[in-house]
Amino acid sequence: MIIDDDKVPFNVTKALLEYEGVEIFTQSEGYGIINLVSQLQPDLVLIDVNMPKLSGDTLAMRLQSNEDTNHTQIAFNSSNVEDSLRKIVKT
């Protein structure tokens, strides 16, 4: 599953994964994701860190704290430089 509000990286990531034969579910915002992930059970959720309204790190924390989605693998997908991401997402 790809969650990204920026069309260019969203479309590039989607196209690359589809080219490799990966089935993709997409969403352009974080709201409703808990229910969607619970329902679809994706193997991996790629989350854009810098989304308006509900940031990627907040969304990841919500997925990890929910009993129905805490087993889901999460990766951050961003066009930001790694150093700036480390400041946003504390590991």
Protein backbone atom coordinates (compact mmCIF):
# COMPACT_ATOMS: atom_id res chain seq x y z
CA MET A 1 0.00 0.00 0.00
CA ILE A 2 1.25 3.48 -0.87
CA ILE A 3 0.08 6.50 1.10
CA ASP A 4 1.34 9.74 -0.44
CA ASP A 5 -0.26 13.11 -1.16
CA ASP A 6 2.36 14.21 -3.73
CA LYS A 7 1.41 12.91 -7.18
CA VAL A 8 4.90 12.69 -8.72
CA PRO A 9 6.60 10.41 -6.16
CA PHE A 10 3.31 8.59 -5.69
CA ASN A 11 3.05 7.76 -9.41
CA VAL A 12 6.75 6.87 -9.75
CA THR A 13 6.67 4.49 -6.78
CA LYS A 14 3.41 2.94 -7.97
CA ALA A 15 4.73 2.44 -11.51
CA LEU A 16 8.00 0.87 -10.31
CA LEU A 17 6.24 -1.58 -8.04
CA GLU A 18 3.60 -2.48 -10.61
CA TYR A 19 6.38 -3.10 -13.15
CA GLU A 20 7.79 -5.65 -10.71
CA GLY A 21 4.39 -7.34 -10.52
CA VAL A 22 3.44 -6.07 -7.06
CA GLU A 23 -0.26 -5.54 -6.39
CA ILE A 24 -0.69 -1.97 -5.18
CA PHE A 25 -3.36 -0.31 -3.07
CA THR A 26 -3.16 3.47 -2.93
CA GLN A 27 -4.39 6.29 -0.75
CA SER A 28 -3.62 10.01 -0.97
CA GLU A 29 -4.17 10.82 2.72
CA GLY A 30 -3.86 9.19 6.11
CA TYR A 31 -7.44 9.42 7.27
CA GLY A 32 -9.27 6.09 7.22
CA ILE A 33 -6.05 4.13 6.85
CA ILE A 34 -6.47 2.08 10.03
CA ASN A 35 -9.71 0.58 8.70
CA LEU A 36 -8.32 0.16 5.19
CA VAL A 37 -5.13 -1.58 6.37
CA SER A 38 -7.16 -3.77 8.71
CA GLN A 39 -9.45 -4.73 5.84
CA LEU A 40 -6.86 -5.21 3.06
CA GLN A 41 -4.00 -6.66 5.16
CA PRO A 42 -1.16 -5.40 2.90
CA ASP A 43 2.31 -6.91 3.31
CA LEU A 44 3.86 -3.44 3.48
CA VAL A 45 2.65 0.13 3.88
CA LEU A 46 4.83 2.85 2.31
CA ILE A 47 4.02 6.14 4.01
CA ASP A 48 5.02 9.62 2.89
CA VAL A 49 6.43 11.40 5.94
CA ASN A 50 5.33 14.92 4.99
CA MET A 51 1.60 14.80 4.50
CA PRO A 52 -0.69 17.64 5.55
CA LYS A 53 -3.21 17.12 8.33
CA LEU A 54 -1.91 13.70 9.42
CA SER A 55 1.86 13.27 9.17
CA GLY A 56 3.44 9.98 8.20
CA ASP A 57 5.12 9.44 11.56
CA THR A 58 1.83 10.00 13.40
CA LEU A 59 0.06 7.62 11.03
CA ALA A 60 2.76 4.98 11.59
CA MET A 61 2.37 5.29 15.38
CA ARG A 62 -1.39 4.85 15.03
CA LEU A 63 -0.96 1.75 12.86
CA GLN A 64 1.54 0.27 15.34
CA SER A 65 -0.67 0.94 18.34
CA ASN A 66 -3.81 -0.60 16.81
CA GLU A 67 -4.40 -4.29 17.57
CA ASP A 68 -5.68 -4.99 14.05
CA THR A 69 -2.75 -3.34 12.24
CA ASN A 70 0.26 -3.59 14.58
CA HIS A 71 1.67 -6.58 12.65
CA THR A 72 1.83 -4.61 9.38
CA GLN A 73 5.28 -3.74 8.07
CA ILE A 74 5.76 0.02 7.63
CA ALA A 75 8.37 1.92 5.62
CA PHE A 76 8.68 5.64 5.11
CA ASN A 77 8.74 6.83 1.52
CA SER A 78 9.97 10.37 1.00
CA SER A 79 11.87 12.60 -1.37
CA ASN A 80 13.44 14.37 1.62
CA VAL A 81 17.14 14.14 2.37
CA GLU A 82 17.90 11.44 4.95
CA ASP A 83 19.18 13.88 7.59
CA SER A 84 15.95 15.88 7.53
CA LEU A 85 13.95 12.65 7.83
CA ARG A 86 15.88 11.61 10.93
CA LYS A 87 14.78 14.86 12.59
CA ILE A 88 11.13 14.19 11.69
CA VAL A 89 11.01 10.47 12.45
CA LYS A 90 12.72 9.49 15.65
CA THR A 91 13.75 5.82 15.53
